Amino acid sequence: MNTNCKVQEYDNTVQAYQAVNNLQNAGYGKDHMYLFAHDKSVSKDLTDRTNTENMGVAEKGVMDTV
């Protein structure tokens, strides 16, 4: 199992969108990418636009979600 993890902070949505494209061009699958934002609507917009994954109960665990 590949346990490589990359965490990066971006100043705006354009930078985040470009990073997703760069990672995809480098061979990373979008089904292994997660985007987070302080604002829930921005986070949803980013994941919708980039077709990346949402973090749900399965990824976070029941206790962290509650």
PDB file of N, CA and C in Angstrom:
ATOM      1  N   MET A   1       0.835  -1.168   0.000  1.00  0.00           N
ATOM      2  CA  MET A   1       0.000   0.000   0.000  1.00  0.00           C
ATOM      3  C   MET A   1       0.889   1.243   0.000  1.00  0.00           C
ATOM      4  N   ASN A   2       0.559   2.202  -0.850  1.00  0.00           N
ATOM      5  CA  ASN A   2       1.288   3.449  -0.938  1.00  0.00           C
ATOM      6  C   ASN A   2       0.792   4.379   0.163  1.00  0.00           C
ATOM      7  N   THR A   3       1.677   4.808   1.032  1.00  0.00           N
ATOM      8  CA  THR A   3       1.290   5.682   2.136  1.00  0.00           C
ATOM      9  C   THR A   3       1.827   7.092   1.960  1.00  0.00           C
ATOM     10  N   ASN A   4       2.270   7.439   0.746  1.00  0.00           N
ATOM     11  CA  ASN A   4       2.756   8.792   0.499  1.00  0.00           C
ATOM     12  C   ASN A   4       1.616   9.776   0.676  1.00  0.00           C
ATOM     13  N   CYS A   5       1.912  10.874   1.306  1.00  0.00           N
ATOM     14  CA  CYS A   5       0.904  11.895   1.562  1.00  0.00           C
ATOM     15  C   CYS A   5       1.537  13.251   1.318  1.00  0.00           C
ATOM     16  N   LYS A   6       0.818  14.097   0.617  1.00  0.00           N
ATOM     17  CA  LYS A   6       1.288  15.467   0.380  1.00  0.00           C
ATOM     18  C   LYS A   6       0.210  16.405   0.898  1.00  0.00           C
ATOM     19  N   VAL A   7       0.636  17.341   1.725  1.00  0.00           N
ATOM     20  CA  VAL A   7      -0.271  18.358   2.252  1.00  0.00           C
ATOM     21  C   VAL A   7       0.287  19.703   1.841  1.00  0.00           C
ATOM     22  N   GLN A   8      -0.565  20.519   1.278  1.00  0.00           N
ATOM     23  CA  GLN A   8      -0.119  21.833   0.820  1.00  0.00           C
ATOM     24  C   GLN A   8      -1.209  22.858   1.091  1.00  0.00           C
ATOM     25  N   GLU A   9      -0.811  24.050   1.444  1.00  0.00           N
ATOM     26  CA  GLU A   9      -1.747  25.153   1.668  1.00  0.00           C
ATOM     27  C   GLU A   9      -1.638  26.134   0.508  1.00  0.00           C
ATOM     28  N   TYR A  10      -2.778  26.629   0.058  1.00  0.00           N
ATOM     29  CA  TYR A  10      -2.806  27.583  -1.048  1.00  0.00           C
ATOM     30  C   TYR A  10      -3.543  28.837  -0.613  1.00  0.00           C
ATOM     31  N   ASP A  11      -3.175  29.957  -1.206  1.00  0.00           N
ATOM     32  CA  ASP A  11      -3.765  31.239  -0.833  1.00  0.00           C
ATOM     33  C   ASP A  11      -5.123  31.488  -1.478  1.00  0.00           C
ATOM     34  N   ASN A  12      -5.392  30.795  -2.586  1.00  0.00           N
ATOM     35  CA  ASN A  12      -6.668  31.024  -3.261  1.00  0.00           C
ATOM     36  C   ASN A  12      -7.074  29.794  -4.061  1.00  0.00           C
ATOM     37  N   THR A  13      -8.281  29.823  -4.560  1.00  0.00           N
ATOM     38  CA  THR A  13      -8.822  28.660  -5.280  1.00  0.00           C
ATOM     39  C   THR A  13      -8.118  28.422  -6.608  1.00  0.00           C
ATOM     40  N   VAL A  14      -7.614  29.468  -7.236  1.00  0.00           N
ATOM     41  CA  VAL A  14      -6.900  29.296  -8.507  1.00  0.00           C
ATOM     42  C   VAL A  14      -5.647  28.458  -8.292  1.00  0.00           C
ATOM     43  N   GLN A  15      -4.897  28.753  -7.243  1.00  0.00           N
ATOM     44  CA  GLN A  15      -3.701  27.977  -6.933  1.00  0.00           C
ATOM     45  C   GLN A  15      -4.045  26.521  -6.628  1.00  0.00           C
ATOM     46  N   ALA A  16      -5.108  26.309  -5.882  1.00  0.00           N
ATOM     47  CA  ALA A  16      -5.524  24.943  -5.547  1.00  0.00           C
ATOM     48  C   ALA A  16      -5.923  24.186  -6.811  1.00  0.00           C
ATOM     49  N   TYR A  17      -6.676  24.836  -7.678  1.00  0.00           N
ATOM     50  CA  TYR A  17      -7.104  24.212  -8.934  1.00  0.00           C
ATOM     51  C   TYR A  17      -5.886  23.845  -9.787  1.00  0.00           C
ATOM     52  N   GLN A  18      -4.918  24.747  -9.882  1.00  0.00           N
ATOM     53  CA  GLN A  18      -3.697  24.481 -10.649  1.00  0.00           C
ATOM     54  C   GLN A  18      -2.912  23.323 -10.043  1.00  0.00           C
ATOM     55  N   ALA A  19      -2.871  23.240  -8.724  1.00  0.00           N
ATOM     56  CA  ALA A  19      -2.153  22.152  -8.056  1.00  0.00           C
ATOM     57  C   ALA A  19      -2.790  20.805  -8.377  1.00  0.00           C
ATOM     58  N   VAL A  20      -4.113  20.750  -8.393  1.00  0.00           N
ATOM     59  CA  VAL A  20      -4.806  19.503  -8.750  1.00  0.00           C
ATOM     60  C   VAL A  20      -4.425  19.098 -10.169  1.00  0.00           C
ATOM     61  N   ASN A  21      -4.435  20.045 -11.095  1.00  0.00           N
ATOM     62  CA  ASN A  21      -4.055  19.738 -12.479  1.00  0.00           C
ATOM     63  C   ASN A  21      -2.607  19.266 -12.568  1.00  0.00           C
ATOM     64  N   ASN A  22      -1.713  19.911 -11.835  1.00  0.00           N
ATOM     65  CA  ASN A  22      -0.300  19.511 -11.847  1.00  0.00           C
ATOM     66  C   ASN A  22      -0.116  18.102 -11.294  1.00  0.00           C
ATOM     67  N   LEU A  23      -0.813  17.794 -10.201  1.00  0.00           N
ATOM     68  CA  LEU A  23      -0.715  16.446  -9.629  1.00  0.00           C
ATOM     69  C   LEU A  23      -1.283  15.395 -10.581  1.00  0.00           C
ATOM     70  N   GLN A  24      -2.395  15.725 -11.227  1.00  0.00           N
ATOM     71  CA  GLN A  24      -2.970  14.786 -12.189  1.00  0.00           C
ATOM     72  C   GLN A  24      -2.012  14.557 -13.353  1.00  0.00           C
ATOM     73  N   ASN A  25      -1.387  15.617 -13.840  1.00  0.00           N
ATOM     74  CA  ASN A  25      -0.412  15.486 -14.925  1.00  0.00           C
ATOM     75  C   ASN A  25       0.806  14.676 -14.495  1.00  0.00           C
ATOM     76  N   ALA A  26       1.096  14.662 -13.197  1.00  0.00           N
ATOM     77  CA  ALA A  26       2.228  13.890 -12.665  1.00  0.00           C
ATOM     78  C   ALA A  26       1.844  12.436 -12.406  1.00  0.00           C
ATOM     79  N   GLY A  27       0.572  12.085 -12.656  1.00  0.00           N
ATOM     80  CA  GLY A  27       0.169  10.696 -12.529  1.00  0.00           C
ATOM     81  C   GLY A  27      -0.685  10.360 -11.324  1.00  0.00           C
ATOM     82  N   TYR A  28      -1.024  11.336 -10.510  1.00  0.00           N
ATOM     83  CA  TYR A  28      -1.884  11.084  -9.350  1.00  0.00           C
ATOM     84  C   TYR A  28      -3.338  11.045  -9.791  1.00  0.00           C
ATOM     85  N   GLY A  29      -4.091  10.116  -9.238  1.00  0.00           N
ATOM     86  CA  GLY A  29      -5.508  10.017  -9.559  1.00  0.00           C
ATOM     87  C   GLY A  29      -6.335  10.949  -8.689  1.00  0.00           C
ATOM     88  N   LYS A  30      -7.363  11.550  -9.282  1.00  0.00           N
ATOM     89  CA  LYS A  30      -8.223  12.465  -8.539  1.00  0.00           C
ATOM     90  C   LYS A  30      -8.982  11.767  -7.424  1.00  0.00           C
ATOM     91  N   ASP A  31      -9.129  10.444  -7.534  1.00  0.00           N
ATOM     92  CA  ASP A  31      -9.826   9.717  -6.477  1.00  0.00           C
ATOM     93  C   ASP A  31      -8.972   9.588  -5.213  1.00  0.00           C
ATOM     94  N   HIS A  32      -7.725  10.061  -5.279  1.00  0.00           N
ATOM     95  CA  HIS A  32      -6.848  10.067  -4.108  1.00  0.00           C
ATOM     96  C   HIS A  32      -6.513  11.487  -3.652  1.00  0.00           C
ATOM     97  N   MET A  33      -7.236  12.468  -4.180  1.00  0.00           N
ATOM     98  CA  MET A  33      -6.999  13.860  -3.820  1.00  0.00           C
ATOM     99  C   MET A  33      -8.184  14.388  -3.032  1.00  0.00           C
ATOM    100  N   TYR A  34      -7.870  15.155  -2.003  1.00  0.00           N
ATOM    101  CA  TYR A  34      -8.898  15.776  -1.169  1.00  0.00           C
ATOM    102  C   TYR A  34      -8.572  17.255  -1.025  1.00  0.00           C
ATOM    103  N   LEU A  35      -9.574  18.086  -1.184  1.00  0.00           N
ATOM    104  CA  LEU A  35      -9.402  19.528  -1.001  1.00  0.00           C
ATOM    105  C   LEU A  35     -10.252  19.985   0.172  1.00  0.00           C
ATOM    106  N   PHE A  36      -9.684  20.853   0.968  1.00  0.00           N
ATOM    107  CA  PHE A  36     -10.395  21.405   2.126  1.00  0.00           C
ATOM    108  C   PHE A  36     -10.304  22.922   2.078  1.00  0.00           C
ATOM    109  N   ALA A  37     -11.323  23.571   2.553  1.00  0.00           N
ATOM    110  CA  ALA A  37     -11.319  25.026   2.676  1.00  0.00           C
ATOM    111  C   ALA A  37     -11.985  25.389   3.986  1.00  0.00           C
ATOM    112  N   HIS A  38     -11.669  26.561   4.487  1.00  0.00           N
ATOM    113  CA  HIS A  38     -12.283  27.012   5.737  1.00  0.00           C
ATOM    114  C   HIS A  38     -13.782  27.214   5.566  1.00  0.00           C
ATOM    115  N   ASP A  39     -14.192  27.594   4.375  1.00  0.00           N
ATOM    116  CA  ASP A  39     -15.598  27.816   4.076  1.00  0.00           C
ATOM    117  C   ASP A  39     -16.165  26.572   3.396  1.00  0.00           C
ATOM    118  N   LYS A  40     -17.232  26.024   3.947  1.00  0.00           N
ATOM    119  CA  LYS A  40     -17.805  24.778   3.435  1.00  0.00           C
ATOM    120  C   LYS A  40     -18.256  24.912   1.981  1.00  0.00           C
ATOM    121  N   SER A  41     -18.823  26.056   1.602  1.00  0.00           N
ATOM    122  CA  SER A  41     -19.289  26.229   0.224  1.00  0.00           C
ATOM    123  C   SER A  41     -18.114  26.316  -0.751  1.00  0.00           C
ATOM    124  N   VAL A  42     -17.010  26.923  -0.335  1.00  0.00           N
ATOM    125  CA  VAL A  42     -15.810  26.978  -1.177  1.00  0.00           C
ATOM    126  C   VAL A  42     -15.237  25.574  -1.340  1.00  0.00           C
ATOM    127  N   SER A  43     -15.212  24.808  -0.257  1.00  0.00           N
ATOM    128  CA  SER A  43     -14.719  23.441  -0.317  1.00  0.00           C
ATOM    129  C   SER A  43     -15.544  22.599  -1.290  1.00  0.00           C
ATOM    130  N   LYS A  44     -16.864  22.711  -1.206  1.00  0.00           N
ATOM    131  CA  LYS A  44     -17.746  21.957  -2.112  1.00  0.00           C
ATOM    132  C   LYS A  44     -17.528  22.401  -3.548  1.00  0.00           C
ATOM    133  N   ASP A  45     -17.420  23.703  -3.779  1.00  0.00           N
ATOM    134  CA  ASP A  45     -17.193  24.222  -5.125  1.00  0.00           C
ATOM    135  C   ASP A  45     -15.886  23.690  -5.698  1.00  0.00           C
ATOM    136  N   LEU A  46     -14.824  23.675  -4.891  1.00  0.00           N
ATOM    137  CA  LEU A  46     -13.530  23.163  -5.361  1.00  0.00           C
ATOM    138  C   LEU A  46     -13.599  21.683  -5.708  1.00  0.00           C
ATOM    139  N   THR A  47     -14.212  20.883  -4.848  1.00  0.00           N
ATOM    140  CA  THR A  47     -14.281  19.452  -5.132  1.00  0.00           C
ATOM    141  C   THR A  47     -15.166  19.181  -6.338  1.00  0.00           C
ATOM    142  N   ASP A  48     -16.212  19.972  -6.518  1.00  0.00           N
ATOM    143  CA  ASP A  48     -17.067  19.813  -7.695  1.00  0.00           C
ATOM    144  C   ASP A  48     -16.332  20.194  -8.974  1.00  0.00           C
ATOM    145  N   ARG A  49     -15.631  21.314  -8.947  1.00  0.00           N
ATOM    146  CA  ARG A  49     -14.922  21.798 -10.139  1.00  0.00           C
ATOM    147  C   ARG A  49     -13.742  20.910 -10.531  1.00  0.00           C
ATOM    148  N   THR A  50     -13.064  20.353  -9.543  1.00  0.00           N
ATOM    149  CA  THR A  50     -11.864  19.560  -9.824  1.00  0.00           C
ATOM    150  C   THR A  50     -12.148  18.066  -9.875  1.00  0.00           C
ATOM    151  N   ASN A  51     -13.380  17.689  -9.529  1.00  0.00           N
ATOM    152  CA  ASN A  51     -13.767  16.278  -9.521  1.00  0.00           C
ATOM    153  C   ASN A  51     -12.882  15.465  -8.576  1.00  0.00           C
ATOM    154  N   THR A  52     -12.524  16.091  -7.445  1.00  0.00           N
ATOM    155  CA  THR A  52     -11.751  15.405  -6.417  1.00  0.00           C
ATOM    156  C   THR A  52     -12.703  14.866  -5.365  1.00  0.00           C
ATOM    157  N   GLU A  53     -12.165  14.170  -4.397  1.00  0.00           N
ATOM    158  CA  GLU A  53     -12.990  13.477  -3.413  1.00  0.00           C
ATOM    159  C   GLU A  53     -13.412  14.385  -2.261  1.00  0.00           C
ATOM    160  N   ASN A  54     -14.579  14.069  -1.717  1.00  0.00           N
ATOM    161  CA  ASN A  54     -15.044  14.672  -0.474  1.00  0.00           C
ATOM    162  C   ASN A  54     -14.609  13.775   0.661  1.00  0.00           C
ATOM    163  N   MET A  55     -14.334  14.358   1.799  1.00  0.00           N
ATOM    164  CA  MET A  55     -13.974  13.555   2.956  1.00  0.00           C
ATOM    165  C   MET A  55     -15.241  13.285   3.743  1.00  0.00           C
ATOM    166  N   GLY A  56     -15.576  12.019   3.872  1.00  0.00           N
ATOM    167  CA  GLY A  56     -16.784  11.638   4.584  1.00  0.00           C
ATOM    168  C   GLY A  56     -16.482  10.739   5.758  1.00  0.00           C
ATOM    169  N   VAL A  57     -17.502  10.084   6.233  1.00  0.00           N
ATOM    170  CA  VAL A  57     -17.388   9.211   7.401  1.00  0.00           C
ATOM    171  C   VAL A  57     -16.363   8.106   7.156  1.00  0.00           C
ATOM    172  N   ALA A  58     -16.348   7.524   5.979  1.00  0.00           N
ATOM    173  CA  ALA A  58     -15.440   6.412   5.695  1.00  0.00           C
ATOM    174  C   ALA A  58     -13.977   6.838   5.827  1.00  0.00           C
ATOM    175  N   GLU A  59     -13.662   8.079   5.424  1.00  0.00           N
ATOM    176  CA  GLU A  59     -12.287   8.543   5.493  1.00  0.00           C
ATOM    177  C   GLU A  59     -11.916   9.046   6.883  1.00  0.00           C
ATOM    178  N   LYS A  60     -12.835   9.733   7.559  1.00  0.00           N
ATOM    179  CA  LYS A  60     -12.538  10.338   8.841  1.00  0.00           C
ATOM    180  C   LYS A  60     -12.820   9.398  10.017  1.00  0.00           C
ATOM    181  N   GLY A  61     -13.739   8.492   9.844  1.00  0.00           N
ATOM    182  CA  GLY A  61     -14.157   7.637  10.949  1.00  0.00           C
ATOM    183  C   GLY A  61     -15.381   8.225  11.635  1.00  0.00           C
ATOM    184  N   VAL A  62     -16.147   7.374  12.219  1.00  0.00           N
ATOM    185  CA  VAL A  62     -17.406   7.782  12.831  1.00  0.00           C
ATOM    186  C   VAL A  62     -17.175   8.765  13.980  1.00  0.00           C
ATOM    187  N   MET A  63     -16.230   8.487  14.848  1.00  0.00           N
ATOM    188  CA  MET A  63     -16.014   9.318  16.035  1.00  0.00           C
ATOM    189  C   MET A  63     -15.554  10.722  15.656  1.00  0.00           C
ATOM    190  N   ASP A  64     -14.685  10.848  14.670  1.00  0.00           N
ATOM    191  CA  ASP A  64     -14.239  12.181  14.242  1.00  0.00           C
ATOM    192  C   ASP A  64     -15.360  12.956  13.569  1.00  0.00           C
ATOM    193  N   THR A  65     -16.237  12.261  12.865  1.00  0.00           N
ATOM    194  CA  THR A  65     -17.343  12.914  12.180  1.00  0.00           C
ATOM    195  C   THR A  65     -18.362  13.445  13.189  1.00  0.00           C
ATOM    196  N   VAL A  66     -18.617  12.663  14.229  1.00  0.00           N
ATOM    197  CA  VAL A  66     -19.578  13.071  15.247  1.00  0.00           C
ATOM    198  C   VAL A  66     -18.975  14.184  16.056  1.00  0.00           C
TER     199      VAL A  66
END
